[in-house]
Amino acid sequence: MEIIYLSLLTLIAATIGTITGFGTSTLMIPVLVMFLPPVEAIFLVAIIHWFGDVWKVSLFRKGFNIKLILWFGVIGLITSYIGASVSLGIDQSLLLRVLGVFLAVYAIFLVFQTKFKIPASGFTALSGGALSGFFAGIFGIGGAIRGMFLSAFDLPKAVYIATAGAIGLAVDSTRIITYFAGGTTLPERLWWSLLILIPVSFIGAQIAKRIVDRIPQNKFRVVVAVFLLAVGIKLIFWP
């Protein structure tokens, strides 16, 4: 029964995570930590998320923005390592609530003030890469922040998703290695569950690709904002 619930959660998270560019972890981790120890939940989702990044890169491979990948990715590698290194000794509740407030406020601006956005600049890319990498390392949740900063550049849909996937691939590789080197592992049943969950995440990405093609370009920014608001509210009330 556990694998059925995990598979359903993975499918939903992979579909929504690919559409928004957040990745699966933003939805999966808050659910899984209610049933698994936080370290196990973060490590399990990090592995699934890594494959989700691969699916994004492969399905939307014609849409990379190399400059943004470098701006976001290099600093994200460093801060992801730092965040993962300190993840076991930090009180996550307060920081997650602060993050939730920040995301919710920004999402409201995007919905009701369509002309408002973070300036598209190198500093924005560096800041987004640093923050998303750091929070991904600590909480396993960094895609929402990355999506918030990437949305400032008004990228075409395919470029947005492919770029987010490539950045996430670099960050997730760093934090998975850091977790594992620090002694984090999974129970045997969860290692075996990956044989099902990884293909399910690919199916979710395929579903997302079909849905994305039906969303008008001028509506995509609003879709991102709605999901940012949902994530923010979730983190405020359930840190």
Protein backbone atom coordinates (compact mmCIF):
# COMPACT_ATOMS: atom_id res chain seq x y z
CA MET A 1 0.00 0.00 0.00
CA GLU A 2 2.89 2.37 0.75
CA ILE A 3 4.24 2.10 -2.79
CA ILE A 4 0.81 2.94 -4.23
CA TYR A 5 0.61 6.18 -2.24
CA LEU A 6 4.22 7.03 -3.04
CA SER A 7 3.62 6.42 -6.74
CA LEU A 8 0.50 8.61 -6.80
CA LEU A 9 2.28 11.39 -4.92
CA THR A 10 5.25 11.14 -7.29
CA LEU A 11 3.00 11.30 -10.36
CA ILE A 12 1.16 14.41 -9.14
CA ALA A 13 4.33 16.12 -7.92
CA ALA A 14 6.25 15.35 -11.13
CA THR A 15 3.45 16.68 -13.32
CA ILE A 16 2.92 19.92 -11.39
CA GLY A 17 6.62 20.33 -10.66
CA THR A 18 7.52 20.09 -14.34
CA ILE A 19 4.82 22.55 -15.43
CA THR A 20 5.89 25.15 -12.89
CA GLY A 21 9.62 24.43 -13.03
CA PHE A 22 9.65 23.82 -9.26
CA GLY A 23 10.48 20.13 -9.44
CA THR A 24 8.86 17.35 -7.43
CA SER A 25 10.36 18.16 -4.04
CA THR A 26 8.26 21.26 -3.37
CA LEU A 27 5.15 19.09 -3.14
CA MET A 28 6.57 15.75 -2.01
CA ILE A 29 8.70 16.72 0.98
CA PRO A 30 5.93 18.42 3.03
CA VAL A 31 3.82 15.28 2.61
CA LEU A 32 6.54 12.68 3.18
CA VAL A 33 7.95 14.21 6.37
CA MET A 34 4.61 13.37 7.99
CA PHE A 35 5.34 9.68 7.44
CA LEU A 36 9.14 9.42 7.23
CA PRO A 37 12.02 10.88 9.23
CA PRO A 38 12.94 14.25 7.65
CA VAL A 39 16.41 13.13 6.56
CA GLU A 40 15.03 10.05 4.81
CA ALA A 41 12.28 12.08 3.15
CA ILE A 42 14.71 14.71 1.84
CA PHE A 43 17.19 12.12 0.57
CA LEU A 44 14.50 10.01 -1.13
CA VAL A 45 12.95 12.99 -2.86
CA ALA A 46 16.38 14.33 -3.85
CA ILE A 47 17.01 11.16 -5.85
CA ILE A 48 13.58 11.28 -7.52
CA HIS A 49 14.03 15.01 -8.14
CA TRP A 50 17.39 14.39 -9.82
CA PHE A 51 15.72 12.11 -12.35
CA GLY A 52 12.94 14.68 -12.76
CA ASP A 53 15.60 17.19 -13.77
CA VAL A 54 16.88 14.71 -16.35
CA TRP A 55 13.36 14.34 -17.80
CA LYS A 56 12.98 18.14 -18.09
CA VAL A 57 16.32 18.49 -19.84
CA SER A 58 15.57 15.65 -22.27
CA LEU A 59 11.95 16.59 -23.05
CA PHE A 60 12.62 20.33 -23.47
CA ARG A 61 16.24 20.11 -24.67
CA LYS A 62 15.80 22.70 -27.43
CA GLY A 63 15.06 25.45 -24.94
CA PHE A 64 18.20 26.08 -22.89
CA ASN A 65 19.35 29.53 -21.82
CA ILE A 66 23.06 28.81 -21.26
CA LYS A 67 23.80 32.20 -19.72
CA LEU A 68 21.15 31.77 -17.01
CA ILE A 69 22.28 28.20 -16.36
CA LEU A 70 25.78 29.47 -15.63
CA TRP A 71 24.60 32.43 -13.53
CA PHE A 72 22.22 30.32 -11.44
CA GLY A 73 24.12 27.05 -11.49
CA VAL A 74 27.65 27.94 -10.40
CA ILE A 75 26.64 29.84 -7.26
CA GLY A 76 23.89 27.27 -6.65
CA LEU A 77 26.45 24.47 -6.49
CA ILE A 78 28.32 26.24 -3.72
CA THR A 79 25.30 27.22 -1.62
CA SER A 80 23.69 23.80 -2.08
CA TYR A 81 26.76 22.19 -0.55
CA ILE A 82 26.68 24.64 2.35
CA GLY A 83 22.97 24.10 2.96
CA ALA A 84 23.22 20.31 2.79
CA SER A 85 26.17 20.34 5.19
CA VAL A 86 24.23 22.16 7.91
CA SER A 87 20.81 20.57 7.26
CA LEU A 88 20.93 18.16 10.20
CA GLY A 89 21.57 20.82 12.83
CA ILE A 90 19.14 23.62 11.96
CA ASP A 91 15.65 24.40 13.24
CA GLN A 92 13.61 24.31 10.04
CA SER A 93 10.20 25.42 11.32
CA LEU A 94 10.83 29.17 11.59
CA LEU A 95 12.83 29.41 8.39
CA LEU A 96 10.17 27.55 6.41
CA ARG A 97 7.49 29.93 7.67
CA VAL A 98 9.59 32.95 6.66
CA LEU A 99 10.12 31.39 3.24
CA GLY A 100 6.37 30.77 2.94
CA VAL A 101 5.52 34.39 3.70
CA PHE A 102 8.08 35.59 1.16
CA LEU A 103 6.76 33.33 -1.62
CA ALA A 104 3.11 34.14 -0.87
CA VAL A 105 3.69 37.90 -0.96
CA TYR A 106 5.63 37.71 -4.20
CA ALA A 107 3.01 35.47 -5.81
CA ILE A 108 0.24 37.94 -4.89
CA PHE A 109 2.23 40.70 -6.59
CA LEU A 110 2.54 38.57 -9.72
CA VAL A 111 -1.19 37.83 -9.82
CA PHE A 112 -2.55 41.31 -9.11
CA GLN A 113 0.27 43.48 -10.39
CA THR A 114 1.11 41.84 -13.71
CA LYS A 115 3.71 44.48 -14.56
CA PHE A 116 5.62 44.00 -11.32
CA LYS A 117 8.59 41.67 -11.35
CA ILE A 118 12.10 41.29 -10.03
CA PRO A 119 14.48 43.10 -12.41
CA ALA A 120 16.03 40.76 -14.95
CA SER A 121 19.74 41.18 -14.28
CA GLY A 122 22.89 39.29 -13.45
CA PHE A 123 22.42 40.15 -9.79
CA THR A 124 18.92 38.65 -9.89
CA ALA A 125 20.28 35.44 -11.40
CA LEU A 126 23.08 35.22 -8.83
CA SER A 127 20.69 35.89 -5.95
CA GLY A 128 18.19 33.34 -7.23
CA GLY A 129 20.89 30.72 -7.71
CA ALA A 130 22.36 31.31 -4.26
CA LEU A 131 19.04 31.25 -2.40
CA SER A 132 17.53 28.31 -4.28
CA GLY A 133 20.70 26.26 -3.88
CA PHE A 134 20.95 27.01 -0.16
CA PHE A 135 17.30 26.20 0.60
CA ALA A 136 17.45 23.09 -1.57
CA GLY A 137 20.41 21.91 0.46
CA ILE A 138 18.76 22.54 3.83
CA PHE A 139 15.11 21.67 3.21
CA GLY A 140 15.14 19.87 -0.12
CA ILE A 141 12.94 22.71 -1.42
CA GLY A 142 14.60 25.15 -3.79
CA GLY A 143 12.67 24.94 -7.04
CA ALA A 144 10.00 27.43 -5.94
CA ILE A 145 12.63 30.08 -5.24
CA ARG A 146 14.39 29.28 -8.50
CA GLY A 147 11.07 29.59 -10.33
CA MET A 148 10.38 32.94 -8.70
CA PHE A 149 13.67 34.41 -9.89
CA LEU A 150 13.56 32.75 -13.32
CA SER A 151 10.09 34.21 -13.90
CA ALA A 152 11.72 37.66 -13.84
CA PHE A 153 13.25 36.90 -17.25
CA ASP A 154 9.89 36.11 -18.94
CA LEU A 155 11.35 33.08 -20.68
CA PRO A 156 9.37 31.10 -23.27
CA LYS A 157 7.74 28.03 -21.73
CA ALA A 158 10.17 25.43 -23.08
CA VAL A 159 13.20 27.58 -22.28
CA TYR A 160 11.94 28.18 -18.73
CA ILE A 161 11.44 24.47 -18.01
CA ALA A 162 14.66 23.29 -19.68
CA THR A 163 16.72 25.96 -17.94
CA ALA A 164 15.18 25.20 -14.54
CA GLY A 165 15.86 21.50 -15.12
CA ALA A 166 19.51 22.02 -16.01
CA ILE A 167 20.11 24.24 -12.98
CA GLY A 168 18.31 21.76 -10.73
CA LEU A 169 20.40 18.90 -12.10
CA ALA A 170 23.62 20.59 -11.02
CA VAL A 171 22.29 21.58 -7.58
CA ASP A 172 20.70 18.19 -6.87
CA SER A 173 23.86 16.32 -7.85
CA THR A 174 25.81 18.36 -5.32
CA ARG A 175 23.40 17.87 -2.44
CA ILE A 176 22.86 14.14 -3.07
CA ILE A 177 26.62 13.57 -2.90
CA THR A 178 26.80 15.71 0.26
CA TYR A 179 23.95 13.83 1.97
CA PHE A 180 25.42 10.45 1.10
CA ALA A 181 28.95 11.42 2.12
CA GLY A 182 27.51 12.61 5.44
CA GLY A 183 26.08 9.16 6.16
CA THR A 184 22.49 9.61 5.00
CA THR A 185 20.86 6.51 3.54
CA LEU A 186 17.45 4.87 3.06
CA PRO A 187 15.76 1.73 4.40
CA GLU A 188 15.92 -1.17 1.97
CA ARG A 189 12.21 -0.91 1.07
CA LEU A 190 12.67 2.70 -0.09
CA TRP A 191 15.67 1.82 -2.24
CA TRP A 192 13.52 -0.82 -3.97
CA SER A 193 10.63 1.65 -4.33
CA LEU A 194 12.83 3.83 -6.56
CA LEU A 195 12.52 1.18 -9.29
CA ILE A 196 8.87 2.22 -9.56
CA LEU A 197 8.99 5.87 -8.50
CA ILE A 198 11.61 6.93 -11.04
CA PRO A 199 9.61 5.68 -14.09
CA VAL A 200 6.47 7.22 -12.56
CA SER A 201 8.25 10.59 -12.38
CA PHE A 202 8.97 10.30 -16.12
CA ILE A 203 5.29 9.66 -16.83
CA GLY A 204 4.45 12.78 -14.83
CA ALA A 205 6.93 14.80 -16.89
CA GLN A 206 5.37 13.48 -20.11
CA ILE A 207 1.90 14.48 -18.91
CA ALA A 208 3.25 17.93 -18.02
CA LYS A 209 4.72 18.35 -21.50
CA ARG A 210 1.28 17.83 -23.03
CA ILE A 211 -0.33 20.25 -20.58
CA VAL A 212 2.32 22.93 -21.08
CA ASP A 213 1.67 22.92 -24.82
CA ARG A 214 -1.95 23.91 -24.08
CA ILE A 215 -1.13 26.88 -21.84
CA PRO A 216 -0.92 30.25 -23.69
CA GLN A 217 2.42 32.01 -23.25
CA ASN A 218 0.83 35.07 -21.62
CA LYS A 219 -0.85 32.83 -19.03
CA PHE A 220 2.26 30.90 -18.07
CA ARG A 221 3.51 33.59 -15.71
CA VAL A 222 0.17 33.51 -13.87
CA VAL A 223 0.36 29.71 -13.59
CA VAL A 224 3.79 30.05 -11.96
CA ALA A 225 2.43 32.69 -9.57
CA VAL A 226 -0.53 30.52 -8.53
CA PHE A 227 1.74 27.64 -7.62
CA LEU A 228 4.12 29.96 -5.77
CA LEU A 229 1.18 31.20 -3.71
CA ALA A 230 0.05 27.65 -2.96
CA VAL A 231 3.54 26.67 -1.84
CA GLY A 232 3.86 29.80 0.27
CA ILE A 233 0.55 29.21 2.08
CA LYS A 234 1.47 25.58 2.66
CA LEU A 235 4.79 26.54 4.25
CA ILE A 236 3.20 29.22 6.45
CA PHE A 237 0.63 26.91 7.98
CA TRP A 238 2.61 23.68 7.78
CA PRO A 239 6.34 24.40 8.18
